[in-house]
Amino acid sequence: KQPKGEVDKSDTSILSTMVKRQSTPSSSIPVVVGVLLVLLLTAPHPRSADALVSPSTTTVTSSTQSSSWRRVGAALVLLQQSSTPQDDNNDPNQDDEISKLIGRRSQIKRKKKQDDANEAAAAALPPNNETLVDLDLDKLPEFKTERPVRRAKSSENEDSQNEEEDNNNNSKNDVPIVDFQAEYDDENELHICNRLIASTRSWGDEQRNFVAAGKLTKRMIKEGKFVPGDLQLAHEQLLERGILTVETSPSYGAALRSKKLSAEWILKRCLDEAPTDLLPETVVVETVSQPSWRAGVPPRRLTQQLYDSVETLGTSTVELFQVRCSPLYPTRFVASALSTAIESGCCNHVGVQGVHGRGKLARLCRRLEAQDMSLTSNAFEFSLTNRQRESLLDVCKDFNVIPLVLNPLDNGLASGVYTATNPSGGRATTSGRPQFTFPELERWQPLHSVQETVAERVATRVKRSLRDLQDRFRPRYGPPPQINTDITTTQVALNYVIAKGGVPVVEVNSPKDAQELAGSLGWGLTEEEVEMLDNAAALCKL
């Protein structure tokens, strides 16, 4: 029994113990709450209604209350002690597990850092496992270039050394060329690859469908218009297929010479921009224009024109230089002009245009032979529909002169494109009028029909022997040659001229024209087919 107003020391100790304990585990909280509720319900409150009604029982109630609260305090102490976690030093197994986890985590981090470093080093390596060489630029040796000492050549070994140098240059610049006429029995020293020449007659001439600038419409393309870019593409296609010889003149496109759009200036651009490491060199044939020939013009004037043309083209020499002749000019004047041109060193061979008589050609050859020179070529018109100069082919052969055939398609009449059934040829005209009248085309209808028949026969023959032809003309290296199997009447007309012994000089104004010309390579006409065309042409003349 305690006096009123005093607190039991055991209760104080219980309370102090509970205060010292900051918290209990979350799992013991429900148990403690449950015990406290049981004890509180079983212990009467000191100020209950019973105590106020019966004062005699106050003492008993107080003692009972004190003992109940003491039991509550003792229970709290026991629960608090049982639920308090043990000190970390008292659980060595738990420390070992934590240490293992921490060590494992550190090991994973170290491994991840090492993998990242390895990936960065692998990314920095050069491709194909090439190792980088760290060069010290300060320790590199000094490179010195010395000019080789030149020594005078002896007169005895000079020719042999020059031949060796030429052979070396030829081997370095050897570009594969398919020459289907390599075995042709040439008339003289000049060999024309594939017996075909591309003409620049319409280059730079606005009266012949040339357009200096701008974009072509479909209508303009159908009319045959072309721009300088088309000429460059056509030139490269010709070189790829083995047509190396190009004929030009100062008079072609002379109206646009001031704008550098004449035939010579456009050809110069083609020569400069052509890839020399992939394409062979272009062989240039230069022709003097007719207005330069006047009475009293000295030969040096002709040489000056040749100098100007060579300077415009940007070359040192041209392979063949031709002069247009006229019955008004004496033979000795022409021969003197040609010999002066050769002596100038600007050309390797000389020829003429328009010599139609056997006597004049013979006199010209004799005058040049007297000066230890020779006439190389003679150009004149001939075609399947214009055979007036056919005998001149044999005359040129007799004097070892190459017959160059101008206008081999007779302005399109011999091409077989314009026929009585197709007067327009599928092409538009600027004037709106057809190029040939219907009576003209109807007259040549038998020849055009035979041309179509011959084209079909040649196509069948070429397809049958295509592999044999490719093996026959296969170059030393490179792919087999391309041989056309879609034969056209235009190609038949060109091969007719070749079969007669002439070299066609064909105008090429677009890539399409270049493909058409290249399609006539790799095949020829048989004697029977040539005879069929001759008979048809003779029938049309009746």
Protein backbone atom coordinates (compact mmCIF):
# COMPACT_ATOMS: atom_id res chain seq x y z
CA LYS A 1 0.00 0.00 0.00
CA GLN A 2 1.40 3.36 -1.05
CA PRO A 3 0.53 6.83 0.12
CA LYS A 4 -1.61 8.99 -2.05
CA GLY A 5 0.33 10.98 -4.64
CA GLU A 6 3.33 8.61 -4.77
CA VAL A 7 4.31 6.48 -7.67
CA ASP A 8 5.54 2.96 -7.42
CA LYS A 9 9.23 2.65 -8.18
CA SER A 10 8.69 -0.50 -10.20
CA ASP A 11 6.32 1.41 -12.46
CA THR A 12 8.92 4.14 -12.84
CA SER A 13 11.54 1.63 -13.81
CA ILE A 14 9.16 0.07 -16.28
CA LEU A 15 8.44 3.45 -17.88
CA SER A 16 12.10 4.40 -18.02
CA THR A 17 12.92 1.10 -19.69
CA MET A 18 10.22 1.68 -22.31
CA VAL A 19 11.46 5.21 -22.97
CA LYS A 20 15.00 3.97 -23.48
CA ARG A 21 13.72 1.55 -26.11
CA GLN A 22 13.20 3.75 -29.15
CA SER A 23 11.21 1.28 -31.16
CA THR A 24 10.21 -2.30 -31.41
CA PRO A 25 10.25 -4.55 -34.43
CA SER A 26 7.18 -4.24 -36.58
CA SER A 27 6.35 -7.91 -35.97
CA SER A 28 5.97 -7.46 -32.14
CA ILE A 29 3.69 -4.39 -32.26
CA PRO A 30 0.43 -6.34 -32.60
CA VAL A 31 1.33 -8.61 -29.64
CA VAL A 32 2.14 -5.70 -27.33
CA VAL A 33 -1.07 -3.90 -28.25
CA GLY A 34 -3.09 -7.04 -27.60
CA VAL A 35 -1.58 -7.65 -24.12
CA LEU A 36 -2.10 -4.06 -23.08
CA LEU A 37 -5.75 -4.21 -24.07
CA VAL A 38 -6.33 -7.40 -22.04
CA LEU A 39 -4.69 -5.95 -18.95
CA LEU A 40 -6.49 -2.67 -19.18
CA LEU A 41 -9.84 -4.36 -19.56
CA THR A 42 -9.27 -6.57 -16.53
CA ALA A 43 -7.93 -3.73 -14.35
CA PRO A 44 -10.54 -1.29 -12.95
CA HIS A 45 -9.94 2.38 -13.26
CA PRO A 46 -9.13 4.23 -9.97
CA ARG A 47 -11.85 6.76 -10.59
CA SER A 48 -14.57 4.35 -11.55
CA ALA A 49 -18.19 4.76 -10.40
CA ASP A 50 -17.84 1.94 -7.86
CA ALA A 51 -15.14 3.78 -5.96
CA LEU A 52 -17.26 6.87 -5.70
CA VAL A 53 -20.35 5.01 -4.48
CA SER A 54 -18.70 2.78 -1.85
CA PRO A 55 -15.88 4.50 -0.11
CA SER A 56 -15.28 1.46 2.05
CA THR A 57 -13.86 -0.38 -0.81
CA THR A 58 -11.40 2.31 -1.85
CA THR A 59 -8.41 0.72 -0.26
CA VAL A 60 -9.00 -2.67 -1.81
CA THR A 61 -9.52 -1.15 -5.22
CA SER A 62 -6.34 0.89 -4.99
CA SER A 63 -4.29 -2.13 -4.11
CA THR A 64 -5.82 -4.12 -6.86
CA GLN A 65 -5.22 -1.27 -9.31
CA SER A 66 -1.59 -0.96 -8.33
CA SER A 67 -0.96 -4.66 -8.73
CA SER A 68 -2.62 -4.63 -12.16
CA TRP A 69 -0.56 -1.75 -13.42
CA ARG A 70 2.55 -3.41 -12.15
CA ARG A 71 1.71 -6.51 -14.11
CA VAL A 72 1.20 -4.40 -17.19
CA GLY A 73 4.59 -2.79 -16.76
CA ALA A 74 6.28 -6.14 -16.20
CA ALA A 75 4.67 -7.56 -19.33
CA LEU A 76 5.85 -4.63 -21.39
CA VAL A 77 9.38 -5.04 -20.17
CA LEU A 78 9.41 -8.76 -20.97
CA LEU A 79 7.95 -8.17 -24.44
CA GLN A 80 10.36 -5.36 -25.12
CA GLN A 81 13.34 -7.50 -24.16
CA SER A 82 12.17 -10.45 -26.19
CA SER A 83 11.51 -8.33 -29.31
CA THR A 84 14.68 -6.24 -29.13
CA PRO A 85 17.18 -7.36 -31.86
CA GLN A 86 20.46 -8.67 -30.69
CA ASP A 87 23.63 -6.76 -31.13
CA ASP A 88 25.41 -7.12 -34.48
CA ASN A 89 28.47 -8.46 -32.76
CA ASN A 90 26.42 -11.37 -31.44
CA ASP A 91 25.50 -12.66 -35.07
CA PRO A 92 28.72 -13.52 -37.01
CA ASN A 93 26.86 -15.51 -39.71
CA GLN A 94 24.86 -12.46 -40.72
CA ASP A 95 28.03 -10.39 -41.03
CA ASP A 96 29.58 -12.98 -43.35
CA GLU A 97 26.58 -12.97 -45.68
CA ILE A 98 26.58 -9.16 -45.90
CA SER A 99 30.30 -9.09 -46.59
CA LYS A 100 29.89 -11.64 -49.35
CA LEU A 101 27.15 -9.60 -51.01
CA ILE A 102 29.19 -6.41 -50.82
CA GLY A 103 32.22 -8.16 -52.29
CA ARG A 104 30.15 -9.67 -55.08
CA ARG A 105 28.72 -6.26 -55.93
CA SER A 106 32.20 -4.72 -56.10
CA GLN A 107 33.40 -7.55 -58.34
CA ILE A 108 30.50 -7.01 -60.77
CA LYS A 109 31.26 -3.30 -60.95
CA ARG A 110 34.95 -3.92 -61.67
CA LYS A 111 34.12 -6.42 -64.39
CA LYS A 112 31.69 -4.03 -66.03
CA LYS A 113 34.30 -1.26 -66.08
CA GLN A 114 36.85 -3.63 -67.62
CA ASP A 115 34.38 -4.73 -70.35
CA ASP A 116 33.61 -1.11 -71.22
CA ALA A 117 37.31 -0.34 -71.51
CA ASN A 118 37.86 -3.34 -73.80
CA GLU A 119 34.98 -2.31 -76.07
CA ALA A 120 36.32 1.23 -76.37
CA ALA A 121 39.77 -0.08 -77.27
CA ALA A 122 38.33 -2.43 -79.91
CA ALA A 123 36.34 0.40 -81.49
CA ALA A 124 39.48 2.52 -81.76
CA LEU A 125 41.31 -0.15 -83.79
CA PRO A 126 41.50 0.34 -87.63
CA PRO A 127 39.48 -1.97 -89.93
CA ASN A 128 40.80 -5.34 -91.14
CA ASN A 129 42.84 -5.68 -87.95
CA GLU A 130 45.40 -3.20 -89.23
CA THR A 131 47.70 -1.95 -86.55
CA LEU A 132 48.42 1.73 -86.28
CA VAL A 133 52.00 2.80 -86.58
CA ASP A 134 53.01 5.73 -84.47
CA LEU A 135 55.49 7.65 -86.59
CA ASP A 136 57.80 10.26 -85.27
CA LEU A 137 57.89 12.91 -87.98
CA ASP A 138 61.05 14.44 -86.59
CA LYS A 139 62.99 11.23 -87.13
CA LEU A 140 61.88 10.60 -90.72
CA PRO A 141 64.69 10.58 -93.31
CA GLU A 142 64.98 13.45 -95.73
CA PHE A 143 63.82 12.72 -99.25
CA LYS A 144 65.90 14.14 -102.04
CA THR A 145 65.17 14.24 -105.74
CA GLU A 146 67.96 14.46 -108.22
CA ARG A 147 67.62 15.30 -111.87
CA PRO A 148 69.08 12.56 -114.07
CA VAL A 149 72.16 13.52 -115.95
CA ARG A 150 71.54 13.86 -119.66
CA ARG A 151 74.16 12.57 -122.00
CA ALA A 152 74.48 13.08 -125.69
CA LYS A 153 73.24 10.19 -127.79
CA SER A 154 75.44 8.63 -130.34
CA SER A 155 74.20 8.73 -133.90
CA GLU A 156 74.40 4.95 -134.17
CA ASN A 157 72.16 4.14 -131.20
CA GLU A 158 69.75 7.06 -131.56
CA ASP A 159 67.23 5.24 -133.77
CA SER A 160 67.20 2.10 -131.65
CA GLN A 161 66.64 4.05 -128.43
CA ASN A 162 63.81 6.03 -130.00
CA GLU A 163 62.11 2.79 -131.05
CA GLU A 164 62.42 1.41 -127.51
CA GLU A 165 60.89 4.58 -126.06
CA ASP A 166 57.98 4.39 -128.51
CA ASN A 167 57.35 0.77 -127.62
CA ASN A 168 57.35 1.60 -123.91
CA ASN A 169 54.91 4.45 -124.43
CA ASN A 170 52.64 2.25 -126.49
CA SER A 171 52.65 -0.45 -123.81
CA LYS A 172 51.76 2.09 -121.12
CA ASN A 173 48.95 3.65 -123.12
CA ASP A 174 47.65 0.37 -124.45
CA VAL A 175 43.86 0.52 -124.19
CA PRO A 176 41.86 -2.48 -125.40
CA ILE A 177 40.35 -1.68 -128.81
CA VAL A 178 38.22 -4.04 -130.87
CA ASP A 179 39.16 -3.48 -134.51
CA PHE A 180 37.01 -5.73 -136.68
CA GLN A 181 38.91 -4.51 -139.76
CA ALA A 182 42.39 -5.14 -138.37
CA GLU A 183 43.11 -7.73 -141.07
CA TYR A 184 41.94 -5.46 -143.87
CA ASP A 185 44.45 -4.97 -146.67
CA ASP A 186 45.01 -1.23 -146.31
CA GLU A 187 45.74 0.92 -149.33
CA ASN A 188 48.71 2.68 -147.67
CA GLU A 189 50.32 3.33 -144.28
CA LEU A 190 47.24 4.97 -142.76
CA HIS A 191 44.95 2.46 -141.06
CA ILE A 192 41.46 3.63 -140.20
CA CYS A 193 40.13 1.63 -137.26
CA ASN A 194 36.99 -0.33 -138.24
CA ARG A 195 36.87 1.54 -141.58
CA LEU A 196 34.45 4.15 -140.20
CA ILE A 197 34.80 7.92 -139.66
CA ALA A 198 32.49 10.15 -137.62
CA SER A 199 31.86 13.59 -139.10
CA THR A 200 31.26 16.85 -137.20
CA ARG A 201 29.57 18.50 -140.17
CA SER A 202 26.57 19.72 -138.15
CA TRP A 203 28.36 20.57 -134.91
CA GLY A 204 27.85 24.22 -134.03
CA ASP A 205 25.60 24.86 -137.02
CA GLU A 206 22.22 26.17 -135.93
CA GLN A 207 20.89 25.67 -139.45
CA ARG A 208 21.50 21.93 -139.01
CA ASN A 209 19.56 21.40 -135.75
CA PHE A 210 22.31 22.48 -133.32
CA VAL A 211 21.10 24.20 -130.12
CA ALA A 212 23.76 26.20 -128.30
CA ALA A 213 22.13 26.19 -124.84
CA GLY A 214 18.95 25.24 -123.05
CA LYS A 215 16.95 22.10 -122.44
CA LEU A 216 15.44 20.18 -125.32
CA THR A 217 11.76 19.38 -125.35
CA LYS A 218 10.33 16.13 -126.66
CA ARG A 219 9.27 17.90 -129.81
CA MET A 220 12.80 19.23 -130.37
CA ILE A 221 14.33 15.80 -129.78
CA LYS A 222 11.93 14.31 -132.30
CA GLU A 223 13.01 16.95 -134.79
CA GLY A 224 16.63 15.88 -134.37
CA LYS A 225 17.86 18.81 -132.28
CA PHE A 226 21.02 18.32 -130.21
CA VAL A 227 23.14 20.23 -127.68
CA PRO A 228 26.90 20.17 -126.90
CA GLY A 229 26.33 17.65 -124.10
CA ASP A 230 24.90 15.16 -126.58
CA LEU A 231 28.02 15.49 -128.72
CA GLN A 232 30.30 14.74 -125.80
CA LEU A 233 28.38 11.58 -124.89
CA ALA A 234 28.35 10.49 -128.51
CA HIS A 235 32.11 11.00 -128.78
CA GLU A 236 32.80 8.81 -125.74
CA GLN A 237 30.50 6.08 -127.03
CA LEU A 238 32.34 6.05 -130.35
CA LEU A 239 35.69 5.62 -128.63
CA GLU A 240 34.34 2.81 -126.46
CA ARG A 241 33.18 0.87 -129.52
CA GLY A 242 36.39 1.40 -131.52
CA ILE A 243 35.39 4.22 -133.88
CA LEU A 244 38.39 6.48 -133.29
CA THR A 245 38.58 8.69 -136.38
CA VAL A 246 36.71 12.03 -136.32
CA GLU A 247 36.57 14.49 -139.23
CA THR A 248 36.24 18.23 -138.66
CA SER A 249 36.83 21.57 -140.40
CA PRO A 250 37.17 25.27 -139.51
CA SER A 251 34.07 25.96 -141.63
CA TYR A 252 31.82 23.67 -139.56
CA GLY A 253 29.81 25.92 -137.25
CA ALA A 254 31.93 28.95 -138.11
CA ALA A 255 29.11 31.33 -137.15
CA LEU A 256 29.56 30.41 -133.46
CA ARG A 257 33.35 30.48 -133.45
CA SER A 258 33.39 33.67 -131.39
CA LYS A 259 31.37 31.87 -128.69
CA LYS A 260 33.70 28.85 -128.87
CA LEU A 261 30.83 26.67 -130.08
CA SER A 262 32.13 25.79 -133.54
CA ALA A 263 32.86 22.19 -134.47
CA GLU A 264 36.57 22.51 -133.65
CA TRP A 265 35.94 24.09 -130.25
CA ILE A 266 33.35 21.46 -129.30
CA LEU A 267 35.71 18.71 -130.44
CA LYS A 268 38.48 20.26 -128.35
CA ARG A 269 36.22 20.07 -125.29
CA CYS A 270 35.48 16.42 -126.05
CA LEU A 271 39.19 15.65 -126.37
CA ASP A 272 40.03 17.40 -123.10
CA GLU A 273 37.27 15.78 -121.04
CA ALA A 274 37.58 12.25 -122.41
CA PRO A 275 39.14 9.85 -119.83
CA THR A 276 42.43 8.98 -121.50
CA ASP A 277 43.14 6.14 -119.07
CA LEU A 278 39.97 4.32 -120.11
CA LEU A 279 39.43 5.39 -123.72
CA PRO A 280 41.81 5.34 -126.68
CA GLU A 281 43.11 8.46 -128.34
CA THR A 282 41.02 10.20 -130.98
CA VAL A 283 42.39 10.33 -134.54
CA VAL A 284 41.58 13.73 -136.07
CA VAL A 285 41.04 14.38 -139.77
CA GLU A 286 41.18 18.10 -140.63
CA THR A 287 39.62 19.51 -143.81
CA VAL A 288 40.28 22.98 -145.24
CA SER A 289 37.15 24.93 -146.09
CA GLN A 290 36.40 25.97 -149.65
CA PRO A 291 36.40 29.80 -149.15
CA SER A 292 40.12 29.79 -148.33
CA TRP A 293 40.96 28.70 -151.88
CA ARG A 294 41.28 31.78 -154.01
CA ALA A 295 43.45 32.62 -156.97
CA GLY A 296 46.88 33.71 -155.89
CA VAL A 297 46.67 32.32 -152.35
CA PRO A 298 50.17 31.12 -151.43
CA PRO A 299 50.76 27.70 -149.82
CA ARG A 300 51.90 29.34 -146.58
CA ARG A 301 48.33 30.62 -146.12
CA LEU A 302 47.16 27.02 -146.10
CA THR A 303 49.85 26.15 -143.55
CA GLN A 304 48.70 29.02 -141.36
CA GLN A 305 45.16 27.67 -141.37
CA LEU A 306 46.51 24.30 -140.33
CA TYR A 307 48.44 25.96 -137.50
CA ASP A 308 45.28 27.70 -136.32
CA SER A 309 43.26 24.48 -136.37
CA VAL A 310 45.91 22.56 -134.45
CA GLU A 311 46.10 25.33 -131.87
CA THR A 312 42.31 25.37 -131.48
CA LEU A 313 42.15 21.60 -130.99
CA GLY A 314 44.99 21.71 -128.48
CA THR A 315 46.99 18.98 -130.20
CA SER A 316 50.45 18.97 -131.71
CA THR A 317 49.47 17.28 -134.96
CA VAL A 318 46.52 15.85 -136.84
CA GLU A 319 46.64 12.46 -138.49
CA LEU A 320 45.18 13.45 -141.86
CA PHE A 321 44.90 16.86 -143.50
CA GLN A 322 42.55 17.19 -146.48
CA VAL A 323 42.21 19.92 -149.07
CA ARG A 324 39.08 20.56 -151.10
CA CYS A 325 39.97 20.76 -154.78
CA SER A 326 38.27 22.46 -157.66
CA PRO A 327 38.69 22.16 -161.43
CA LEU A 328 39.75 25.82 -161.45
CA TYR A 329 42.90 25.20 -159.43
CA PRO A 330 45.96 23.69 -161.10
CA THR A 331 47.37 20.43 -159.85
CA ARG A 332 50.81 21.88 -159.13
CA PHE A 333 49.28 24.44 -156.73
CA VAL A 334 47.46 21.69 -154.79
CA ALA A 335 50.57 19.53 -154.64
CA SER A 336 52.69 22.46 -153.42
CA ALA A 337 50.16 23.25 -150.68
CA LEU A 338 50.05 19.62 -149.49
CA SER A 339 53.84 19.28 -149.39
CA THR A 340 54.08 22.51 -147.38
CA ALA A 341 51.58 21.16 -144.87
CA ILE A 342 53.61 17.97 -144.37
CA GLU A 343 56.85 19.90 -144.01
CA SER A 344 55.27 22.06 -141.29
CA GLY A 345 55.02 19.00 -139.03
CA CYS A 346 51.38 19.63 -138.16
CA CYS A 347 50.04 16.58 -140.02
CA ASN A 348 51.18 13.05 -140.71
CA HIS A 349 49.23 12.40 -143.93
CA VAL A 350 47.56 14.52 -146.62
CA GLY A 351 44.54 13.95 -148.84
CA VAL A 352 42.13 15.72 -151.13
CA GLN A 353 38.40 16.13 -151.63
CA GLY A 354 36.54 16.33 -154.89
CA VAL A 355 39.09 14.81 -157.30
CA HIS A 356 36.77 12.84 -159.59
CA GLY A 357 38.96 12.33 -162.64
CA ARG A 358 41.50 9.55 -163.03
CA GLY A 359 43.95 11.82 -164.87
CA LYS A 360 43.98 14.56 -162.26
CA LEU A 361 44.40 12.05 -159.45
CA ALA A 362 47.32 10.45 -161.31
CA ARG A 363 49.05 13.83 -161.88
CA LEU A 364 48.62 14.78 -158.23
CA CYS A 365 50.14 11.49 -157.06
CA ARG A 366 53.14 11.91 -159.40
CA ARG A 367 53.86 15.45 -158.19
CA LEU A 368 53.84 14.35 -154.58
CA GLU A 369 56.01 11.33 -155.32
CA ALA A 370 58.53 13.68 -156.92
CA GLN A 371 58.90 15.33 -153.51
CA ASP A 372 59.16 11.96 -151.75
CA MET A 373 55.56 12.19 -150.47
CA SER A 374 52.34 10.32 -151.19
CA LEU A 375 48.65 11.07 -151.41
CA THR A 376 46.77 9.22 -148.68
CA SER A 377 43.06 9.77 -149.34
CA ASN A 378 40.47 11.12 -151.72
CA ALA A 379 36.97 12.00 -150.50
CA PHE A 380 33.87 11.99 -152.71
CA GLU A 381 30.16 11.19 -152.47
CA PHE A 382 28.82 7.68 -152.92
CA SER A 383 25.86 5.76 -151.54
CA LEU A 384 23.39 3.01 -152.29
CA THR A 385 21.08 5.51 -153.97
CA ASN A 386 23.90 7.57 -155.55
CA ARG A 387 26.32 5.28 -157.34
CA GLN A 388 27.64 7.70 -159.97
CA ARG A 389 31.16 7.62 -158.50
CA GLU A 390 31.34 3.87 -158.06
CA SER A 391 34.14 3.51 -160.60
CA LEU A 392 36.21 6.00 -158.62
CA LEU A 393 36.52 3.40 -155.85
CA ASP A 394 38.60 1.20 -158.13
CA VAL A 395 40.62 4.17 -159.39
CA CYS A 396 41.65 5.04 -155.83
CA LYS A 397 42.64 1.43 -155.21
CA ASP A 398 44.89 1.54 -158.28
CA PHE A 399 46.84 4.51 -156.88
CA ASN A 400 46.90 3.18 -153.29
CA VAL A 401 44.61 5.97 -152.13
CA ILE A 402 41.95 5.43 -149.46
CA PRO A 403 38.48 6.29 -150.83
CA LEU A 404 36.63 8.30 -148.18
CA VAL A 405 32.90 8.26 -148.92
CA LEU A 406 31.01 11.44 -148.06
CA ASN A 407 27.25 11.41 -147.51
CA PRO A 408 26.99 7.58 -147.52
CA LEU A 409 23.28 7.73 -146.61
CA ASP A 410 22.39 10.29 -149.30
CA ASN A 411 20.77 12.65 -146.77
CA GLY A 412 18.64 9.76 -145.47
CA LEU A 413 17.30 8.42 -148.73
CA ALA A 414 19.60 5.38 -148.65
CA SER A 415 19.01 4.72 -144.96
CA GLY A 416 15.70 2.94 -145.53
CA VAL A 417 14.11 5.05 -142.78
CA TYR A 418 12.06 7.17 -145.19
CA THR A 419 9.91 4.91 -147.34
CA ALA A 420 6.73 5.18 -149.38
CA THR A 421 4.81 3.57 -146.52
CA ASN A 422 6.48 5.86 -143.95
CA PRO A 423 7.37 9.16 -145.64
CA SER A 424 8.17 10.99 -142.40
CA GLY A 425 10.38 8.21 -141.05
CA GLY A 426 8.79 8.69 -137.66
CA ARG A 427 10.51 12.06 -137.30
CA ALA A 428 9.14 15.55 -137.06
CA THR A 429 10.35 18.37 -139.30
CA THR A 430 10.80 22.02 -138.46
CA SER A 431 9.18 23.28 -141.67
CA GLY A 432 6.30 20.81 -141.47
CA ARG A 433 7.10 19.40 -144.92
CA PRO A 434 8.46 15.87 -145.39
CA GLN A 435 12.11 15.53 -146.30
CA PHE A 436 11.29 13.53 -149.43
CA THR A 437 8.26 13.60 -151.65
CA PHE A 438 6.08 10.58 -152.14
CA PRO A 439 7.08 10.08 -155.84
CA GLU A 440 10.75 9.96 -154.85
CA LEU A 441 10.12 7.40 -152.13
CA GLU A 442 7.85 5.34 -154.36
CA ARG A 443 10.61 5.18 -156.94
CA TRP A 444 13.02 3.65 -154.41
CA GLN A 445 10.47 1.32 -152.84
CA PRO A 446 12.00 -1.87 -154.36
CA LEU A 447 15.39 -1.02 -152.92
CA HIS A 448 13.96 -0.30 -149.49
CA SER A 449 12.16 -3.65 -149.51
CA VAL A 450 15.37 -5.46 -150.39
CA GLN A 451 17.18 -3.60 -147.61
CA GLU A 452 14.67 -4.92 -145.09
CA THR A 453 15.10 -8.44 -146.44
CA VAL A 454 18.88 -8.23 -146.24
CA ALA A 455 18.67 -6.86 -142.69
CA GLU A 456 16.61 -9.88 -141.61
CA ARG A 457 19.04 -12.30 -143.27
CA VAL A 458 22.05 -10.65 -141.62
CA ALA A 459 20.37 -10.68 -138.21
CA THR A 460 19.68 -14.41 -138.51
CA ARG A 461 23.25 -15.12 -139.59
CA VAL A 462 24.81 -13.01 -136.83
CA LYS A 463 22.68 -14.60 -134.11
CA ARG A 464 23.67 -18.04 -135.32
CA SER A 465 27.40 -17.29 -135.33
CA LEU A 466 27.56 -14.74 -132.50
CA ARG A 467 29.81 -16.80 -130.24
CA ASP A 468 32.22 -17.59 -133.06
CA LEU A 469 32.45 -13.90 -133.97
CA GLN A 470 33.14 -12.90 -130.38
CA ASP A 471 35.88 -15.52 -130.04
CA ARG A 472 37.40 -14.43 -133.33
CA PHE A 473 37.62 -10.74 -132.43
CA ARG A 474 38.20 -11.15 -128.68
CA PRO A 475 40.98 -8.79 -127.51
CA ARG A 476 43.98 -9.88 -125.48
CA TYR A 477 42.27 -8.79 -122.29
CA GLY A 478 38.87 -7.43 -121.39
CA PRO A 479 35.32 -8.60 -122.12
CA PRO A 480 34.28 -10.01 -125.49
CA PRO A 481 33.29 -7.43 -128.11
CA GLN A 482 29.72 -6.26 -128.43
CA ILE A 483 28.14 -7.29 -131.72
CA ASN A 484 24.76 -5.97 -132.70
CA THR A 485 22.09 -8.50 -133.60
CA ASP A 486 19.25 -6.02 -134.20
CA ILE A 487 20.26 -5.06 -137.73
CA THR A 488 18.69 -1.96 -139.29
CA THR A 489 18.44 -0.81 -142.90
CA THR A 490 20.76 2.12 -142.11
CA GLN A 491 23.49 -0.28 -141.00
CA VAL A 492 22.95 -2.32 -144.16
CA ALA A 493 23.54 0.82 -146.26
CA LEU A 494 26.80 1.59 -144.40
CA ASN A 495 28.11 -1.95 -144.74
CA TYR A 496 27.28 -1.80 -148.45
CA VAL A 497 29.75 1.08 -148.81
CA ILE A 498 32.37 -0.83 -146.80
CA ALA A 499 31.83 -3.91 -148.94
CA LYS A 500 32.52 -1.78 -152.03
CA GLY A 501 35.88 -0.75 -150.53
CA GLY A 502 35.01 2.73 -149.27
CA VAL A 503 35.29 4.29 -145.79
CA PRO A 504 31.97 5.93 -144.81
CA VAL A 505 32.17 9.39 -143.24
CA VAL A 506 28.93 9.54 -141.23
CA GLU A 507 27.49 12.49 -139.34
CA VAL A 508 27.07 11.77 -135.63
CA ASN A 509 25.03 14.31 -133.68
CA SER A 510 23.69 12.38 -130.68
CA PRO A 511 24.29 9.23 -128.61
CA LYS A 512 21.56 7.55 -130.66
CA ASP A 513 23.52 8.21 -133.85
CA ALA A 514 26.65 6.82 -132.20
CA GLN A 515 24.83 3.61 -131.26
CA GLU A 516 23.46 3.29 -134.78
CA LEU A 517 26.94 3.66 -136.24
CA ALA A 518 28.51 1.24 -133.75
CA GLY A 519 25.80 -1.31 -134.57
CA SER A 520 27.31 -1.79 -138.03
CA LEU A 521 30.52 -3.26 -136.56
CA GLY A 522 31.37 -6.94 -136.29
CA TRP A 523 29.54 -8.18 -139.37
CA GLY A 524 29.44 -7.59 -143.10
CA LEU A 525 27.53 -8.36 -146.23
CA THR A 526 28.13 -11.40 -148.36
CA GLU A 527 28.65 -11.18 -152.11
CA GLU A 528 25.14 -12.46 -152.66
CA GLU A 529 23.64 -9.78 -150.44
CA VAL A 530 25.69 -7.05 -152.16
CA GLU A 531 24.48 -8.30 -155.51
CA MET A 532 20.88 -8.22 -154.30
CA LEU A 533 21.27 -4.56 -153.34
CA ASP A 534 22.99 -3.70 -156.62
CA ASN A 535 20.21 -5.26 -158.63
CA ALA A 536 17.52 -3.49 -156.62
CA ALA A 537 19.29 -0.12 -156.98
CA ALA A 538 19.70 -0.65 -160.72
CA LEU A 539 16.01 -1.54 -161.04
CA CYS A 540 15.03 1.71 -159.33
CA LYS A 541 17.10 3.70 -161.83
CA LEU A 542 15.13 2.39 -164.82
